[in-house]
Amino acid sequence: TVLRACKDDFSSENIKRQAASLKDVELPLLLPGITVTTGPDDY
């Protein structure tokens, strides 16, 4: 999910940036009602 969000920039810096800006991400094996959200100040 993080890598797809990187578009065409797979620099370490952009990978870090995308990992720290996930918003309500649903994953196949996460329980219903649980999502992944991160921010620059919330890792």
All heavy atoms as atom14 arrays in JSON, in Angstrom:
{
  "sequence": "TVLRACKDDFSSENIKRQAASLKDVELPLLLPGITVTTGPDDY",
  "atom14_mask": [
    [1, 1, 1, 1, 1, 1, 1, 0, 0, 0, 0, 0, 0, 0],
    [1, 1, 1, 1, 1, 1, 1, 0, 0, 0, 0, 0, 0, 0],
    [1, 1, 1, 1, 1, 1, 1, 1, 0, 0, 0, 0, 0, 0],
    [1, 1, 1, 1, 1, 1, 1, 1, 1, 1, 1, 0, 0, 0],
    [1, 1, 1, 1, 1, 0, 0, 0, 0, 0, 0, 0, 0, 0],
    [1, 1, 1, 1, 1, 1, 0, 0, 0, 0, 0, 0, 0, 0],
    [1, 1, 1, 1, 1, 1, 1, 1, 1, 0, 0, 0, 0, 0],
    [1, 1, 1, 1, 1, 1, 1, 1, 0, 0, 0, 0, 0, 0],
    [1, 1, 1, 1, 1, 1, 1, 1, 0, 0, 0, 0, 0, 0],
    [1, 1, 1, 1, 1, 1, 1, 1, 1, 1, 1, 0, 0, 0],
    [1, 1, 1, 1, 1, 1, 0, 0, 0, 0, 0, 0, 0, 0],
    [1, 1, 1, 1, 1, 1, 0, 0, 0, 0, 0, 0, 0, 0],
    [1, 1, 1, 1, 1, 1, 1, 1, 1, 0, 0, 0, 0, 0],
    [1, 1, 1, 1, 1, 1, 1, 1, 0, 0, 0, 0, 0, 0],
    [1, 1, 1, 1, 1, 1, 1, 1, 0, 0, 0, 0, 0, 0],
    [1, 1, 1, 1, 1, 1, 1, 1, 1, 0, 0, 0, 0, 0],
    [1, 1, 1, 1, 1, 1, 1, 1, 1, 1, 1, 0, 0, 0],
    [1, 1, 1, 1, 1, 1, 1, 1, 1, 0, 0, 0, 0, 0],
    [1, 1, 1, 1, 1, 0, 0, 0, 0, 0, 0, 0, 0, 0],
    [1, 1, 1, 1, 1, 0, 0, 0, 0, 0, 0, 0, 0, 0],
    [1, 1, 1, 1, 1, 1, 0, 0, 0, 0, 0, 0, 0, 0],
    [1, 1, 1, 1, 1, 1, 1, 1, 0, 0, 0, 0, 0, 0],
    [1, 1, 1, 1, 1, 1, 1, 1, 1, 0, 0, 0, 0, 0],
    [1, 1, 1, 1, 1, 1, 1, 1, 0, 0, 0, 0, 0, 0],
    [1, 1, 1, 1, 1, 1, 1, 0, 0, 0, 0, 0, 0, 0],
    [1, 1, 1, 1, 1, 1, 1, 1, 1, 0, 0, 0, 0, 0],
    [1, 1, 1, 1, 1, 1, 1, 1, 0, 0, 0, 0, 0, 0],
    [1, 1, 1, 1, 1, 1, 1, 0, 0, 0, 0, 0, 0, 0],
    [1, 1, 1, 1, 1, 1, 1, 1, 0, 0, 0, 0, 0, 0],
    [1, 1, 1, 1, 1, 1, 1, 1, 0, 0, 0, 0, 0, 0],
    [1, 1, 1, 1, 1, 1, 1, 1, 0, 0, 0, 0, 0, 0],
    [1, 1, 1, 1, 1, 1, 1, 0, 0, 0, 0, 0, 0, 0],
    [1, 1, 1, 1, 0, 0, 0, 0, 0, 0, 0, 0, 0, 0],
    [1, 1, 1, 1, 1, 1, 1, 1, 0, 0, 0, 0, 0, 0],
    [1, 1, 1, 1, 1, 1, 1, 0, 0, 0, 0, 0, 0, 0],
    [1, 1, 1, 1, 1, 1, 1, 0, 0, 0, 0, 0, 0, 0],
    [1, 1, 1, 1, 1, 1, 1, 0, 0, 0, 0, 0, 0, 0],
    [1, 1, 1, 1, 1, 1, 1, 0, 0, 0, 0, 0, 0, 0],
    [1, 1, 1, 1, 0, 0, 0, 0, 0, 0, 0, 0, 0, 0],
    [1, 1, 1, 1, 1, 1, 1, 0, 0, 0, 0, 0, 0, 0],
    [1, 1, 1, 1, 1, 1, 1, 1, 0, 0, 0, 0, 0, 0],
    [1, 1, 1, 1, 1, 1, 1, 1, 0, 0, 0, 0, 0, 0],
    [1, 1, 1, 1, 1, 1, 1, 1, 1, 1, 1, 1, 0, 0]
  ],
  "atom14_positions": [
    [[0.83, -1.21, 0.0], [0.0, 0.0, 0.0], [0.86, 1.25, 0.0], [0.62, 2.21, -0.74], [-0.94, 0.01, 1.23], [-1.75, -1.17, 1.2], [-1.83, 1.24, 1.25], [0.0, 0.0, 0.0], [0.0, 0.0, 0.0], [0.0, 0.0, 0.0], [0.0, 0.0, 0.0], [0.0, 0.0, 0.0], [0.0, 0.0, 0.0], [0.0, 0.0, 0.0]],
    [[1.9, 1.24, 0.84], [2.83, 2.38, 0.91], [3.54, 2.57, -0.43], [3.64, 3.69, -0.95], [3.85, 2.18, 2.05], [4.96, 3.24, 1.99], [3.16, 2.23, 3.41], [0.0, 0.0, 0.0], [0.0, 0.0, 0.0], [0.0, 0.0, 0.0], [0.0, 0.0, 0.0], [0.0, 0.0, 0.0], [0.0, 0.0, 0.0], [0.0, 0.0, 0.0]],
    [[4.03, 1.49, -1.0], [4.79, 1.57, -2.25], [3.92, 2.07, -3.4], [4.37, 2.85, -4.24], [5.41, 0.21, -2.59], [6.47, -0.29, -1.6], [6.95, -1.68, -1.98], [7.66, 0.68, -1.51], [0.0, 0.0, 0.0], [0.0, 0.0, 0.0], [0.0, 0.0, 0.0], [0.0, 0.0, 0.0], [0.0, 0.0, 0.0], [0.0, 0.0, 0.0]],
    [[2.67, 1.62, -3.44], [1.77, 2.11, -4.51], [1.55, 3.62, -4.39], [1.41, 4.3, -5.4], [0.44, 1.35, -4.46], [0.56, -0.08, -4.95], [-0.78, -0.76, -5.17], [-0.57, -2.14, -5.55], [-0.66, -3.18, -4.71], [-0.99, -2.98, -3.45], [-0.42, -4.41, -5.14], [0.0, 0.0, 0.0], [0.0, 0.0, 0.0], [0.0, 0.0, 0.0]],
    [[1.53, 4.1, -3.14], [1.31, 5.54, -2.93], [2.52, 6.36, -3.36], [2.42, 7.57, -3.54], [1.02, 5.8, -1.45], [0.0, 0.0, 0.0], [0.0, 0.0, 0.0], [0.0, 0.0, 0.0], [0.0, 0.0, 0.0], [0.0, 0.0, 0.0], [0.0, 0.0, 0.0], [0.0, 0.0, 0.0], [0.0, 0.0, 0.0], [0.0, 0.0, 0.0]],
    [[3.66, 5.7, -3.58], [4.89, 6.42, -3.96], [4.87, 6.89, -5.41], [5.77, 7.65, -5.82], [6.12, 5.51, -3.74], [6.51, 5.26, -1.99], [0.0, 0.0, 0.0], [0.0, 0.0, 0.0], [0.0, 0.0, 0.0], [0.0, 0.0, 0.0], [0.0, 0.0, 0.0], [0.0, 0.0, 0.0], [0.0, 0.0, 0.0], [0.0, 0.0, 0.0]],
    [[3.87, 6.44, -6.16], [3.77, 6.79, -7.6], [5.08, 6.42, -8.31], [5.42, 5.26, -8.35], [3.45, 8.29, -7.77], [2.13, 8.72, -7.1], [0.93, 8.16, -7.82], [-0.37, 8.82, -7.39], [-0.9, 8.3, -6.14], [0.0, 0.0, 0.0], [0.0, 0.0, 0.0], [0.0, 0.0, 0.0], [0.0, 0.0, 0.0], [0.0, 0.0, 0.0]],
    [[5.82, 7.4, -8.81], [7.04, 7.05, -9.55], [8.31, 7.43, -8.8], [9.4, 7.4, -9.35], [7.01, 7.76, -10.92], [7.98, 7.12, -11.9], [8.09, 5.88, -11.88], [8.65, 7.86, -12.65], [0.0, 0.0, 0.0], [0.0, 0.0, 0.0], [0.0, 0.0, 0.0], [0.0, 0.0, 0.0], [0.0, 0.0, 0.0], [0.0, 0.0, 0.0]],
    [[8.14, 7.83, -7.52], [9.29, 8.26, -6.73], [9.55, 7.25, -5.6], [8.89, 7.28, -4.57], [9.02, 9.66, -6.15], [10.16, 10.17, -5.28], [11.18, 9.46, -5.14], [10.01, 11.27, -4.71], [0.0, 0.0, 0.0], [0.0, 0.0, 0.0], [0.0, 0.0, 0.0], [0.0, 0.0, 0.0], [0.0, 0.0, 0.0], [0.0, 0.0, 0.0]],
    [[10.52, 6.35, -5.85], [10.82, 5.33, -4.85], [12.09, 5.64, -4.07], [12.8, 4.75, -3.61], [10.91, 3.94, -5.52], [9.58, 3.47, -6.02], [9.25, 3.57, -7.36], [8.64, 2.96, -5.14], [8.01, 3.15, -7.82], [7.39, 2.54, -5.59], [7.07, 2.63, -6.93], [0.0, 0.0, 0.0], [0.0, 0.0, 0.0], [0.0, 0.0, 0.0]],
    [[12.36, 6.93, -3.93], [13.48, 7.33, -3.07], [13.13, 6.98, -1.63], [11.96, 6.9, -1.25], [13.72, 8.84, -3.17], [12.58, 9.54, -2.69], [0.0, 0.0, 0.0], [0.0, 0.0, 0.0], [0.0, 0.0, 0.0], [0.0, 0.0, 0.0], [0.0, 0.0, 0.0], [0.0, 0.0, 0.0], [0.0, 0.0, 0.0], [0.0, 0.0, 0.0]],
    [[14.16, 6.75, -0.82], [13.94, 6.45, 0.6], [13.12, 7.55, 1.26], [12.26, 7.3, 2.11], [15.28, 6.28, 1.31], [15.95, 5.12, 0.83], [0.0, 0.0, 0.0], [0.0, 0.0, 0.0], [0.0, 0.0, 0.0], [0.0, 0.0, 0.0], [0.0, 0.0, 0.0], [0.0, 0.0, 0.0], [0.0, 0.0, 0.0], [0.0, 0.0, 0.0]],
    [[13.38, 8.78, 0.86], [12.69, 9.93, 1.46], [11.19, 9.87, 1.19], [10.36, 10.1, 2.07], [13.28, 11.23, 0.9], [13.08, 12.44, 1.78], [13.7, 12.31, 3.17], [14.81, 11.76, 3.31], [13.03, 12.76, 4.13], [0.0, 0.0, 0.0], [0.0, 0.0, 0.0], [0.0, 0.0, 0.0], [0.0, 0.0, 0.0], [0.0, 0.0, 0.0]],
    [[10.82, 9.54, -0.06], [9.39, 9.49, -0.39], [8.71, 8.28, 0.22], [7.55, 8.35, 0.62], [9.18, 9.51, -1.91], [7.72, 9.78, -2.26], [7.06, 10.62, -1.65], [7.2, 9.06, -3.23], [0.0, 0.0, 0.0], [0.0, 0.0, 0.0], [0.0, 0.0, 0.0], [0.0, 0.0, 0.0], [0.0, 0.0, 0.0], [0.0, 0.0, 0.0]],
    [[9.44, 7.15, 0.3], [8.86, 5.97, 0.96], [8.52, 6.32, 2.41], [7.45, 6.01, 2.91], [9.82, 4.77, 0.87], [9.95, 4.3, -0.59], [9.32, 3.62, 1.75], [11.01, 3.23, -0.81], [0.0, 0.0, 0.0], [0.0, 0.0, 0.0], [0.0, 0.0, 0.0], [0.0, 0.0, 0.0], [0.0, 0.0, 0.0], [0.0, 0.0, 0.0]],
    [[9.46, 7.01, 3.08], [9.2, 7.43, 4.47], [7.99, 8.37, 4.53], [7.11, 8.22, 5.39], [10.44, 8.16, 5.03], [10.21, 8.75, 6.42], [11.36, 9.62, 6.87], [11.33, 10.98, 6.26], [11.06, 12.07, 7.23], [0.0, 0.0, 0.0], [0.0, 0.0, 0.0], [0.0, 0.0, 0.0], [0.0, 0.0, 0.0], [0.0, 0.0, 0.0]],
    [[7.93, 9.31, 3.6], [6.84, 10.3, 3.59], [5.48, 9.62, 3.42], [4.5, 9.94, 4.1], [7.08, 11.31, 2.46], [6.17, 12.54, 2.52], [6.47, 13.51, 1.39], [7.87, 13.89, 1.34], [8.69, 13.64, 0.31], [8.24, 13.03, -0.77], [9.95, 14.0, 0.35], [0.0, 0.0, 0.0], [0.0, 0.0, 0.0], [0.0, 0.0, 0.0]],
    [[5.41, 8.65, 2.51], [4.14, 7.97, 2.26], [3.73, 7.08, 3.44], [2.55, 6.98, 3.77], [4.21, 7.14, 0.96], [4.49, 7.93, -0.29], [3.54, 9.1, -0.49], [2.35, 9.03, -0.14], [4.05, 10.21, -1.02], [0.0, 0.0, 0.0], [0.0, 0.0, 0.0], [0.0, 0.0, 0.0], [0.0, 0.0, 0.0], [0.0, 0.0, 0.0]],
    [[4.71, 6.46, 4.08], [4.41, 5.62, 5.25], [3.83, 6.46, 6.39], [3.02, 5.97, 7.18], [5.66, 4.89, 5.72], [0.0, 0.0, 0.0], [0.0, 0.0, 0.0], [0.0, 0.0, 0.0], [0.0, 0.0, 0.0], [0.0, 0.0, 0.0], [0.0, 0.0, 0.0], [0.0, 0.0, 0.0], [0.0, 0.0, 0.0], [0.0, 0.0, 0.0]],
    [[4.23, 7.74, 6.43], [3.77, 8.63, 7.5], [2.56, 9.45, 7.1], [2.21, 10.42, 7.77], [4.91, 9.55, 7.93], [0.0, 0.0, 0.0], [0.0, 0.0, 0.0], [0.0, 0.0, 0.0], [0.0, 0.0, 0.0], [0.0, 0.0, 0.0], [0.0, 0.0, 0.0], [0.0, 0.0, 0.0], [0.0, 0.0, 0.0], [0.0, 0.0, 0.0]],
    [[1.9, 9.08, 5.99], [0.68, 9.81, 5.61], [-0.41, 8.86, 5.12], [-1.08, 9.12, 4.13], [1.0, 10.88, 4.55], [1.77, 10.35, 3.5], [0.0, 0.0, 0.0], [0.0, 0.0, 0.0], [0.0, 0.0, 0.0], [0.0, 0.0, 0.0], [0.0, 0.0, 0.0], [0.0, 0.0, 0.0], [0.0, 0.0, 0.0], [0.0, 0.0, 0.0]],
    [[-0.58, 7.76, 5.84], [-1.65, 6.81, 5.53], [-2.95, 7.3, 6.17], [-2.94, 7.82, 7.28], [-1.29, 5.42, 6.08], [-0.01, 4.79, 5.51], [0.37, 3.54, 6.3], [-0.19, 4.45, 4.03], [0.0, 0.0, 0.0], [0.0, 0.0, 0.0], [0.0, 0.0, 0.0], [0.0, 0.0, 0.0], [0.0, 0.0, 0.0], [0.0, 0.0, 0.0]],
    [[-4.05, 7.12, 5.45], [-5.33, 7.64, 5.97], [-6.42, 6.58, 5.83], [-6.79, 6.2, 4.73], [-5.72, 8.9, 5.18], [-6.99, 9.57, 5.67], [-6.69, 10.63, 6.71], [-7.92, 11.43, 7.08], [-8.74, 10.83, 8.11], [0.0, 0.0, 0.0], [0.0, 0.0, 0.0], [0.0, 0.0, 0.0], [0.0, 0.0, 0.0], [0.0, 0.0, 0.0]],
    [[-6.88, 6.08, 6.96], [-7.99, 5.12, 6.99], [-7.79, 3.96, 6.01], [-8.72, 3.59, 5.28], [-9.32, 5.83, 6.71], [-9.66, 6.85, 7.78], [-9.3, 6.62, 8.95], [-10.26, 7.9, 7.45], [0.0, 0.0, 0.0], [0.0, 0.0, 0.0], [0.0, 0.0, 0.0], [0.0, 0.0, 0.0], [0.0, 0.0, 0.0], [0.0, 0.0, 0.0]],
    [[-6.6, 3.42, 5.99], [-6.29, 2.31, 5.07], [-6.9, 1.01, 5.59], [-6.7, 0.64, 6.75], [-4.76, 2.15, 4.9], [-4.42, 0.88, 4.13], [-4.17, 3.38, 4.22], [0.0, 0.0, 0.0], [0.0, 0.0, 0.0], [0.0, 0.0, 0.0], [0.0, 0.0, 0.0], [0.0, 0.0, 0.0], [0.0, 0.0, 0.0], [0.0, 0.0, 0.0]],
    [[-7.64, 0.33, 4.72], [-8.17, -0.99, 5.05], [-7.24, -2.04, 4.44], [-6.76, -1.87, 3.33], [-9.59, -1.15, 4.5], [-10.59, -0.18, 5.12], [-12.0, -0.34, 4.55], [-12.19, -1.25, 3.72], [-12.87, 0.45, 4.95], [0.0, 0.0, 0.0], [0.0, 0.0, 0.0], [0.0, 0.0, 0.0], [0.0, 0.0, 0.0], [0.0, 0.0, 0.0]],
    [[-7.0, -3.12, 5.17], [-6.16, -4.21, 4.69], [-6.97, -5.51, 4.72], [-7.87, -5.66, 5.55], [-4.9, -4.35, 5.55], [-3.97, -3.13, 5.58], [-2.86, -3.33, 6.62], [-3.35, -2.89, 4.2], [0.0, 0.0, 0.0], [0.0, 0.0, 0.0], [0.0, 0.0, 0.0], [0.0, 0.0, 0.0], [0.0, 0.0, 0.0], [0.0, 0.0, 0.0]],
    [[-6.64, -6.45, 3.83], [-7.46, -7.66, 3.71], [-7.66, -8.43, 5.01], [-8.73, -8.99, 5.24], [-6.68, -8.52, 2.7], [-5.8, -7.58, 1.95], [-5.53, -6.44, 2.85], [0.0, 0.0, 0.0], [0.0, 0.0, 0.0], [0.0, 0.0, 0.0], [0.0, 0.0, 0.0], [0.0, 0.0, 0.0], [0.0, 0.0, 0.0], [0.0, 0.0, 0.0]],
    [[-6.65, -8.45, 5.89], [-6.76, -9.26, 7.1], [-6.98, -8.44, 8.37], [-6.98, -8.98, 9.47], [-5.52, -10.15, 7.27], [-5.31, -11.21, 6.18], [-4.15, -12.13, 6.53], [-6.57, -12.04, 5.92], [0.0, 0.0, 0.0], [0.0, 0.0, 0.0], [0.0, 0.0, 0.0], [0.0, 0.0, 0.0], [0.0, 0.0, 0.0], [0.0, 0.0, 0.0]],
    [[-7.18, -7.13, 8.24], [-7.54, -6.33, 9.41], [-9.0, -6.58, 9.78], [-9.84, -6.76, 8.91], [-7.36, -4.83, 9.13], [-6.01, -4.18, 9.42], [-6.09, -2.69, 9.13], [-5.56, -4.41, 10.86], [0.0, 0.0, 0.0], [0.0, 0.0, 0.0], [0.0, 0.0, 0.0], [0.0, 0.0, 0.0], [0.0, 0.0, 0.0], [0.0, 0.0, 0.0]],
    [[-9.29, -6.59, 11.08], [-10.66, -6.76, 11.53], [-11.53, -5.59, 11.05], [-11.04, -4.46, 10.94], [-10.71, -6.84, 13.05], [-10.19, -8.15, 13.67], [-9.96, -7.95, 15.16], [-11.19, -9.27, 13.44], [0.0, 0.0, 0.0], [0.0, 0.0, 0.0], [0.0, 0.0, 0.0], [0.0, 0.0, 0.0], [0.0, 0.0, 0.0], [0.0, 0.0, 0.0]],
    [[-12.8, -5.85, 10.76], [-13.71, -4.77, 10.37], [-13.71, -3.66, 11.42], [-13.71, -3.94, 12.62], [-15.08, -5.45, 10.3], [-14.79, -6.9, 10.13], [-13.48, -7.15, 10.81], [0.0, 0.0, 0.0], [0.0, 0.0, 0.0], [0.0, 0.0, 0.0], [0.0, 0.0, 0.0], [0.0, 0.0, 0.0], [0.0, 0.0, 0.0], [0.0, 0.0, 0.0]],
    [[-13.71, -2.42, 10.96], [-13.73, -1.29, 11.88], [-12.34, -0.81, 12.29], [-12.19, 0.21, 12.93], [0.0, 0.0, 0.0], [0.0, 0.0, 0.0], [0.0, 0.0, 0.0], [0.0, 0.0, 0.0], [0.0, 0.0, 0.0], [0.0, 0.0, 0.0], [0.0, 0.0, 0.0], [0.0, 0.0, 0.0], [0.0, 0.0, 0.0], [0.0, 0.0, 0.0]],
    [[-11.31, -1.58, 11.9], [-9.93, -1.18, 12.21], [-9.23, -0.77, 10.93], [-9.26, -1.5, 9.93], [-9.15, -2.33, 12.89], [-9.8, -2.65, 14.26], [-7.7, -1.95, 13.09], [-9.09, -3.74, 15.04], [0.0, 0.0, 0.0], [0.0, 0.0, 0.0], [0.0, 0.0, 0.0], [0.0, 0.0, 0.0], [0.0, 0.0, 0.0], [0.0, 0.0, 0.0]],
    [[-8.66, 0.42, 10.93], [-7.95, 0.92, 9.75], [-6.58, 1.45, 10.18], [-6.3, 1.57, 11.38], [-8.73, 2.06, 9.07], [-8.97, 3.11, 10.03], [-10.07, 1.58, 8.5], [0.0, 0.0, 0.0], [0.0, 0.0, 0.0], [0.0, 0.0, 0.0], [0.0, 0.0, 0.0], [0.0, 0.0, 0.0], [0.0, 0.0, 0.0], [0.0, 0.0, 0.0]],
    [[-5.75, 1.74, 9.2], [-4.4, 2.25, 9.46], [-4.35, 3.73, 9.12], [-4.63, 4.13, 7.99], [-3.34, 1.5, 8.62], [-1.95, 2.01, 8.96], [-3.43, 0.01, 8.85], [0.0, 0.0, 0.0], [0.0, 0.0, 0.0], [0.0, 0.0, 0.0], [0.0, 0.0, 0.0], [0.0, 0.0, 0.0], [0.0, 0.0, 0.0], [0.0, 0.0, 0.0]],
    [[-3.98, 4.54, 10.1], [-3.8, 5.97, 9.88], [-2.49, 6.39, 10.55], [-2.23, 6.03, 11.7], [-4.97, 6.78, 10.47], [-6.16, 6.43, 9.77], [-4.73, 8.28, 10.35], [0.0, 0.0, 0.0], [0.0, 0.0, 0.0], [0.0, 0.0, 0.0], [0.0, 0.0, 0.0], [0.0, 0.0, 0.0], [0.0, 0.0, 0.0], [0.0, 0.0, 0.0]],
    [[-1.66, 7.11, 9.81], [-0.42, 7.66, 10.38], [-0.31, 9.12, 10.01], [-1.02, 9.61, 9.13], [0.82, 6.92, 9.84], [0.82, 7.01, 8.41], [0.85, 5.46, 10.25], [0.0, 0.0, 0.0], [0.0, 0.0, 0.0], [0.0, 0.0, 0.0], [0.0, 0.0, 0.0], [0.0, 0.0, 0.0], [0.0, 0.0, 0.0], [0.0, 0.0, 0.0]],
    [[0.58, 9.83, 10.69], [0.83, 11.23, 10.37], [2.27, 11.55, 10.71], [2.94, 10.77, 11.4], [0.0, 0.0, 0.0], [0.0, 0.0, 0.0], [0.0, 0.0, 0.0], [0.0, 0.0, 0.0], [0.0, 0.0, 0.0], [0.0, 0.0, 0.0], [0.0, 0.0, 0.0], [0.0, 0.0, 0.0], [0.0, 0.0, 0.0], [0.0, 0.0, 0.0]],
    [[2.77, 12.71, 10.27], [4.16, 13.08, 10.54], [4.51, 13.1, 12.03], [5.66, 12.93, 12.41], [4.3, 14.47, 9.91], [2.97, 14.86, 9.4], [2.04, 13.69, 9.49], [0.0, 0.0, 0.0], [0.0, 0.0, 0.0], [0.0, 0.0, 0.0], [0.0, 0.0, 0.0], [0.0, 0.0, 0.0], [0.0, 0.0, 0.0], [0.0, 0.0, 0.0]],
    [[3.5, 13.3, 12.88], [3.74, 13.31, 14.33], [3.13, 12.08, 15.02], [3.15, 11.99, 16.24], [3.14, 14.57, 14.97], [3.72, 15.83, 14.36], [4.95, 15.86, 14.17], [2.96, 16.76, 14.06], [0.0, 0.0, 0.0], [0.0, 0.0, 0.0], [0.0, 0.0, 0.0], [0.0, 0.0, 0.0], [0.0, 0.0, 0.0], [0.0, 0.0, 0.0]],
    [[2.57, 11.17, 14.25], [1.93, 9.98, 14.82], [2.36, 8.76, 14.02], [1.84, 8.49, 12.94], [0.4, 10.13, 14.8], [-0.29, 8.93, 15.45], [0.41, 8.02, 15.9], [-1.54, 8.91, 15.48], [0.0, 0.0, 0.0], [0.0, 0.0, 0.0], [0.0, 0.0, 0.0], [0.0, 0.0, 0.0], [0.0, 0.0, 0.0], [0.0, 0.0, 0.0]],
    [[3.34, 8.03, 14.55], [3.93, 6.9, 13.84], [3.33, 5.55, 14.26], [3.88, 4.52, 13.92], [5.44, 6.88, 14.07], [6.24, 7.69, 13.06], [5.67, 8.73, 12.35], [7.58, 7.38, 12.83], [6.42, 9.47, 11.45], [8.34, 8.1, 11.92], [7.75, 9.15, 11.23], [8.49, 9.87, 10.32], [0.0, 0.0, 0.0], [0.0, 0.0, 0.0]]
  ]
}
